[in-house]
Amino acid sequence: MRKSLKPKAYIYPLPVLIIGTYDESGVPNAMNAAWGTVCDTAQVSICLSATHKTVKNILKNKVFTVSMADVDNVVNADYVGIVSANTVTDKIAKTGWTVTRGEVVNAPIFNELPLCLECKLVSYDTETEMCIGEVVSVSAIDNILTDGKVDLTKFKPICYDCDTHGYYALGERVGNAFSDGLKLK
């Protein structure tokens, strides 16, 4: 039997994305954004309210980074989501994260977050608050790679449950894309 639920965008998993920018003084900023996804092979789409300092930084600098939070960074990832850079000028200091300037774009890479996408702004729609970024560089720490590829059993990215406000770990492989379905062909 199925039960009707309140209409809501129940799309799982919602990745916990940490958006990195520099402000006008060169201070690194991070915010937690769960409303993001892939929108093309080398593009990401993230819904970001224009009230965020991060959006002001993106519109000014035309670049940003997108890192995925992992199990080891739950507390810090949540912190940068509940504290606004509009009122706390150096959120990063509280997290203890260290920062490296991006290799391709002038935006911060948070060294403790295992995977980082460096992005150039493609567009920001003020009505829908949809930010589209072109991925121009990707870096990952060695210990989440197997044969030069991201290994989710090592990475353990977290996702957000918008219904219960919980964070959950990903990582168990349960099948093989473009292969398992062939059994029914």
C-alpha atoms as a PDB file:
ATOM      1  CA  MET A   1       0.000   0.000   0.000  1.00  0.00           C
ATOM      2  CA  ARG A   2       1.226   3.511  -0.827  1.00  0.00           C
ATOM      3  CA  LYS A   3       0.739   6.533   1.391  1.00  0.00           C
ATOM      4  CA  SER A   4       0.324  10.079   0.090  1.00  0.00           C
ATOM      5  CA  LEU A   5       2.898  12.546   1.364  1.00  0.00           C
ATOM      6  CA  LYS A   6       3.024  16.309   1.406  1.00  0.00           C
ATOM      7  CA  PRO A   7       4.123  17.570  -2.037  1.00  0.00           C
ATOM      8  CA  LYS A   8       7.871  18.119  -1.843  1.00  0.00           C
ATOM      9  CA  ALA A   9      10.823  17.525  -4.162  1.00  0.00           C
ATOM     10  CA  TYR A  10      11.785  14.135  -2.751  1.00  0.00           C
ATOM     11  CA  ILE A  11      14.891  13.577  -4.835  1.00  0.00           C
ATOM     12  CA  TYR A  12      17.508  11.396  -3.192  1.00  0.00           C
ATOM     13  CA  PRO A  13      20.338  11.698  -2.573  1.00  0.00           C
ATOM     14  CA  LEU A  14      20.818  15.445  -2.148  1.00  0.00           C
ATOM     15  CA  PRO A  15      24.586  15.974  -2.054  1.00  0.00           C
ATOM     16  CA  VAL A  16      26.004  18.239   0.625  1.00  0.00           C
ATOM     17  CA  LEU A  17      27.854  20.762  -1.502  1.00  0.00           C
ATOM     18  CA  ILE A  18      30.258  23.287  -0.041  1.00  0.00           C
ATOM     19  CA  ILE A  19      30.457  26.348  -2.284  1.00  0.00           C
ATOM     20  CA  GLY A  20      33.717  28.274  -2.003  1.00  0.00           C
ATOM     21  CA  THR A  21      34.342  31.909  -2.953  1.00  0.00           C
ATOM     22  CA  TYR A  22      36.584  34.817  -2.053  1.00  0.00           C
ATOM     23  CA  ASP A  23      35.061  38.098  -0.950  1.00  0.00           C
ATOM     24  CA  GLU A  24      36.163  41.565  -2.071  1.00  0.00           C
ATOM     25  CA  SER A  25      39.006  41.492   0.505  1.00  0.00           C
ATOM     26  CA  GLY A  26      40.242  38.046  -0.504  1.00  0.00           C
ATOM     27  CA  VAL A  27      38.760  36.313   2.553  1.00  0.00           C
ATOM     28  CA  PRO A  28      37.662  32.732   1.750  1.00  0.00           C
ATOM     29  CA  ASN A  29      34.018  31.907   2.338  1.00  0.00           C
ATOM     30  CA  ALA A  30      32.122  28.621   2.330  1.00  0.00           C
ATOM     31  CA  MET A  31      28.445  27.815   2.388  1.00  0.00           C
ATOM     32  CA  ASN A  32      26.538  24.550   2.529  1.00  0.00           C
ATOM     33  CA  ALA A  33      24.083  24.039  -0.341  1.00  0.00           C
ATOM     34  CA  ALA A  34      22.009  20.884  -0.731  1.00  0.00           C
ATOM     35  CA  TRP A  35      19.989  22.002  -3.763  1.00  0.00           C
ATOM     36  CA  GLY A  36      22.523  21.143  -6.452  1.00  0.00           C
ATOM     37  CA  THR A  37      23.064  18.634  -9.226  1.00  0.00           C
ATOM     38  CA  VAL A  38      24.770  17.878 -12.528  1.00  0.00           C
ATOM     39  CA  CYS A  39      23.046  19.649 -15.418  1.00  0.00           C
ATOM     40  CA  ASP A  40      25.431  18.671 -18.237  1.00  0.00           C
ATOM     41  CA  THR A  41      28.620  16.644 -18.585  1.00  0.00           C
ATOM     42  CA  ALA A  42      30.790  19.532 -17.374  1.00  0.00           C
ATOM     43  CA  GLN A  43      28.206  21.761 -15.680  1.00  0.00           C
ATOM     44  CA  VAL A  44      26.635  21.978 -12.253  1.00  0.00           C
ATOM     45  CA  SER A  45      23.399  23.660 -11.254  1.00  0.00           C
ATOM     46  CA  ILE A  46      22.848  24.967  -7.727  1.00  0.00           C
ATOM     47  CA  CYS A  47      19.873  26.864  -6.332  1.00  0.00           C
ATOM     48  CA  LEU A  48      21.364  29.747  -4.298  1.00  0.00           C
ATOM     49  CA  SER A  49      19.372  32.565  -2.734  1.00  0.00           C
ATOM     50  CA  ALA A  50      20.620  35.999  -3.781  1.00  0.00           C
ATOM     51  CA  THR A  51      20.779  37.021  -0.105  1.00  0.00           C
ATOM     52  CA  HIS A  52      23.859  34.842   0.445  1.00  0.00           C
ATOM     53  CA  LYS A  53      27.284  36.484   0.568  1.00  0.00           C
ATOM     54  CA  THR A  54      28.416  33.566  -1.595  1.00  0.00           C
ATOM     55  CA  VAL A  55      26.151  34.695  -4.448  1.00  0.00           C
ATOM     56  CA  LYS A  56      27.454  38.255  -4.209  1.00  0.00           C
ATOM     57  CA  ASN A  57      30.995  36.863  -4.418  1.00  0.00           C
ATOM     58  CA  ILE A  58      30.139  34.622  -7.380  1.00  0.00           C
ATOM     59  CA  LEU A  59      28.532  37.473  -9.302  1.00  0.00           C
ATOM     60  CA  LYS A  60      31.524  39.718  -8.629  1.00  0.00           C
ATOM     61  CA  ASN A  61      34.309  37.185  -9.323  1.00  0.00           C
ATOM     62  CA  LYS A  62      32.526  34.954 -11.886  1.00  0.00           C
ATOM     63  CA  VAL A  63      34.122  31.836 -10.327  1.00  0.00           C
ATOM     64  CA  PHE A  64      33.558  29.431  -7.422  1.00  0.00           C
ATOM     65  CA  THR A  65      34.437  25.968  -6.181  1.00  0.00           C
ATOM     66  CA  VAL A  66      32.107  23.104  -5.349  1.00  0.00           C
ATOM     67  CA  SER A  67      33.360  20.529  -2.861  1.00  0.00           C
ATOM     68  CA  MET A  68      31.409  17.569  -1.582  1.00  0.00           C
ATOM     69  CA  ALA A  69      31.303  17.099   2.166  1.00  0.00           C
ATOM     70  CA  ASP A  70      32.208  13.713   3.553  1.00  0.00           C
ATOM     71  CA  VAL A  71      31.667  11.795   6.797  1.00  0.00           C
ATOM     72  CA  ASP A  72      34.784  13.333   8.390  1.00  0.00           C
ATOM     73  CA  ASN A  73      33.474  16.865   7.795  1.00  0.00           C
ATOM     74  CA  VAL A  74      29.827  16.670   8.920  1.00  0.00           C
ATOM     75  CA  VAL A  75      30.159  19.183  11.768  1.00  0.00           C
ATOM     76  CA  ASN A  76      32.130  21.760   9.750  1.00  0.00           C
ATOM     77  CA  ALA A  77      29.883  21.356   6.709  1.00  0.00           C
ATOM     78  CA  ASP A  78      26.803  21.933   8.844  1.00  0.00           C
ATOM     79  CA  TYR A  79      28.428  24.954  10.526  1.00  0.00           C
ATOM     80  CA  VAL A  80      29.098  26.758   7.230  1.00  0.00           C
ATOM     81  CA  GLY A  81      25.441  26.183   6.385  1.00  0.00           C
ATOM     82  CA  ILE A  82      23.988  27.653   9.562  1.00  0.00           C
ATOM     83  CA  VAL A  83      26.305  30.650   9.957  1.00  0.00           C
ATOM     84  CA  SER A  84      26.065  33.480   7.422  1.00  0.00           C
ATOM     85  CA  ALA A  85      29.117  35.251   6.008  1.00  0.00           C
ATOM     86  CA  ASN A  86      26.923  38.356   6.019  1.00  0.00           C
ATOM     87  CA  THR A  87      27.356  38.411   9.815  1.00  0.00           C
ATOM     88  CA  VAL A  88      30.423  36.207  10.515  1.00  0.00           C
ATOM     89  CA  THR A  89      33.269  37.530   8.398  1.00  0.00           C
ATOM     90  CA  ASP A  90      35.640  34.539   8.677  1.00  0.00           C
ATOM     91  CA  LYS A  91      33.626  31.345   8.993  1.00  0.00           C
ATOM     92  CA  ILE A  92      36.554  29.239   7.791  1.00  0.00           C
ATOM     93  CA  ALA A  93      38.692  30.017  10.862  1.00  0.00           C
ATOM     94  CA  LYS A  94      36.118  28.327  13.118  1.00  0.00           C
ATOM     95  CA  THR A  95      36.117  25.136  11.000  1.00  0.00           C
ATOM     96  CA  GLY A  96      39.874  24.742  11.053  1.00  0.00           C
ATOM     97  CA  TRP A  97      39.837  24.050   7.319  1.00  0.00           C
ATOM     98  CA  THR A  98      42.901  25.141   5.404  1.00  0.00           C
ATOM     99  CA  VAL A  99      42.621  26.820   2.035  1.00  0.00           C
ATOM    100  CA  THR A 100      44.523  26.624  -1.226  1.00  0.00           C
ATOM    101  CA  ARG A 101      43.731  28.927  -4.136  1.00  0.00           C
ATOM    102  CA  GLY A 102      42.265  27.006  -7.072  1.00  0.00           C
ATOM    103  CA  GLU A 103      44.649  25.859  -9.782  1.00  0.00           C
ATOM    104  CA  VAL A 104      42.484  27.303 -12.573  1.00  0.00           C
ATOM    105  CA  VAL A 105      40.022  29.717 -10.954  1.00  0.00           C
ATOM    106  CA  ASN A 106      40.494  32.316  -8.209  1.00  0.00           C
ATOM    107  CA  ALA A 107      38.343  30.537  -5.630  1.00  0.00           C
ATOM    108  CA  PRO A 108      39.240  28.561  -2.504  1.00  0.00           C
ATOM    109  CA  ILE A 109      39.829  24.840  -2.325  1.00  0.00           C
ATOM    110  CA  PHE A 110      39.189  23.531   1.182  1.00  0.00           C
ATOM    111  CA  ASN A 111      42.008  21.029   1.647  1.00  0.00           C
ATOM    112  CA  GLU A 112      40.123  18.833   4.102  1.00  0.00           C
ATOM    113  CA  LEU A 113      37.255  18.207   1.654  1.00  0.00           C
ATOM    114  CA  PRO A 114      38.346  15.307  -0.579  1.00  0.00           C
ATOM    115  CA  LEU A 115      36.842  16.335  -3.942  1.00  0.00           C
ATOM    116  CA  CYS A 116      36.698  19.805  -5.479  1.00  0.00           C
ATOM    117  CA  LEU A 117      35.273  21.147  -8.733  1.00  0.00           C
ATOM    118  CA  GLU A 118      36.602  24.516  -9.891  1.00  0.00           C
ATOM    119  CA  CYS A 119      33.869  26.359 -11.774  1.00  0.00           C
ATOM    120  CA  LYS A 120      33.412  29.410 -13.967  1.00  0.00           C
ATOM    121  CA  LEU A 121      30.026  31.102 -13.759  1.00  0.00           C
ATOM    122  CA  VAL A 122      27.868  30.395 -16.799  1.00  0.00           C
ATOM    123  CA  SER A 123      24.740  32.124 -15.535  1.00  0.00           C
ATOM    124  CA  TYR A 124      22.783  33.194 -12.495  1.00  0.00           C
ATOM    125  CA  ASP A 125      19.040  33.744 -12.879  1.00  0.00           C
ATOM    126  CA  THR A 126      17.746  36.245 -10.318  1.00  0.00           C
ATOM    127  CA  GLU A 127      14.169  34.988 -10.682  1.00  0.00           C
ATOM    128  CA  THR A 128      14.823  31.260 -10.207  1.00  0.00           C
ATOM    129  CA  GLU A 129      18.026  31.805  -8.182  1.00  0.00           C
ATOM    130  CA  MET A 130      19.644  29.079 -10.269  1.00  0.00           C
ATOM    131  CA  CYS A 131      23.425  29.259 -10.575  1.00  0.00           C
ATOM    132  CA  ILE A 132      25.051  27.325 -13.425  1.00  0.00           C
ATOM    133  CA  GLY A 133      28.783  26.698 -13.352  1.00  0.00           C
ATOM    134  CA  GLU A 134      31.123  25.191 -15.931  1.00  0.00           C
ATOM    135  CA  VAL A 135      33.539  22.725 -14.368  1.00  0.00           C
ATOM    136  CA  VAL A 136      37.004  23.713 -15.591  1.00  0.00           C
ATOM    137  CA  SER A 137      39.165  21.665 -13.209  1.00  0.00           C
ATOM    138  CA  VAL A 138      38.706  18.823 -10.730  1.00  0.00           C
ATOM    139  CA  SER A 139      41.039  17.733  -7.945  1.00  0.00           C
ATOM    140  CA  ALA A 140      40.832  14.931  -5.395  1.00  0.00           C
ATOM    141  CA  ILE A 141      42.987  13.794  -2.520  1.00  0.00           C
ATOM    142  CA  ASP A 142      44.837  10.549  -3.220  1.00  0.00           C
ATOM    143  CA  ASN A 143      43.236   8.472  -0.480  1.00  0.00           C
ATOM    144  CA  ILE A 144      39.781   8.533  -2.157  1.00  0.00           C
ATOM    145  CA  LEU A 145      41.117   7.272  -5.498  1.00  0.00           C
ATOM    146  CA  THR A 146      41.470   3.774  -6.900  1.00  0.00           C
ATOM    147  CA  ASP A 147      43.222   3.494 -10.257  1.00  0.00           C
ATOM    148  CA  GLY A 148      42.921   7.270 -10.693  1.00  0.00           C
ATOM    149  CA  LYS A 149      39.133   7.298 -10.201  1.00  0.00           C
ATOM    150  CA  VAL A 150      36.997   8.419  -7.264  1.00  0.00           C
ATOM    151  CA  ASP A 151      36.158   5.389  -5.132  1.00  0.00           C
ATOM    152  CA  LEU A 152      32.934   5.973  -3.156  1.00  0.00           C
ATOM    153  CA  THR A 153      33.840   3.232  -0.686  1.00  0.00           C
ATOM    154  CA  LYS A 154      36.856   5.355   0.282  1.00  0.00           C
ATOM    155  CA  PHE A 155      35.338   8.828  -0.174  1.00  0.00           C
ATOM    156  CA  LYS A 156      32.112   8.435   1.857  1.00  0.00           C
ATOM    157  CA  PRO A 157      30.324  11.615   0.706  1.00  0.00           C
ATOM    158  CA  ILE A 158      27.311  12.648   2.712  1.00  0.00           C
ATOM    159  CA  CYS A 159      23.841  13.519   1.518  1.00  0.00           C
ATOM    160  CA  TYR A 160      21.054  15.506   3.101  1.00  0.00           C
ATOM    161  CA  ASP A 161      17.523  14.319   3.852  1.00  0.00           C
ATOM    162  CA  CYS A 162      15.244  17.357   3.531  1.00  0.00           C
ATOM    163  CA  ASP A 163      12.423  15.548   5.326  1.00  0.00           C
ATOM    164  CA  THR A 164      14.222  14.577   8.545  1.00  0.00           C
ATOM    165  CA  HIS A 165      17.106  17.084   8.282  1.00  0.00           C
ATOM    166  CA  GLY A 166      19.580  14.215   8.631  1.00  0.00           C
ATOM    167  CA  TYR A 167      22.944  13.637   7.007  1.00  0.00           C
ATOM    168  CA  TYR A 168      23.631  10.174   5.595  1.00  0.00           C
ATOM    169  CA  ALA A 169      26.785   8.518   4.266  1.00  0.00           C
ATOM    170  CA  LEU A 170      27.023   7.021   0.792  1.00  0.00           C
ATOM    171  CA  GLY A 171      29.439   4.354  -0.214  1.00  0.00           C
ATOM    172  CA  GLU A 172      28.048   0.845  -0.703  1.00  0.00           C
ATOM    173  CA  ARG A 173      28.112  -0.361  -4.305  1.00  0.00           C
ATOM    174  CA  VAL A 174      24.929  -2.261  -5.146  1.00  0.00           C
ATOM    175  CA  GLY A 175      25.095  -2.704  -8.908  1.00  0.00           C
ATOM    176  CA  ASN A 176      26.721  -1.902 -12.250  1.00  0.00           C
ATOM    177  CA  ALA A 177      25.326   0.749 -14.601  1.00  0.00           C
ATOM    178  CA  PHE A 178      24.849  -0.144 -18.269  1.00  0.00           C
ATOM    179  CA  SER A 179      25.365  -3.775 -17.353  1.00  0.00           C
ATOM    180  CA  ASP A 180      22.948  -5.197 -14.763  1.00  0.00           C
ATOM    181  CA  GLY A 181      19.902  -4.339 -16.881  1.00  0.00           C
ATOM    182  CA  LEU A 182      21.246  -6.458 -19.709  1.00  0.00           C
ATOM    183  CA  LYS A 183      19.935  -9.491 -17.787  1.00  0.00           C
ATOM    184  CA  LEU A 184      16.431  -8.431 -18.837  1.00  0.00           C
ATOM    185  CA  LYS A 185      17.300  -7.727 -22.469  1.00  0.00           C
END
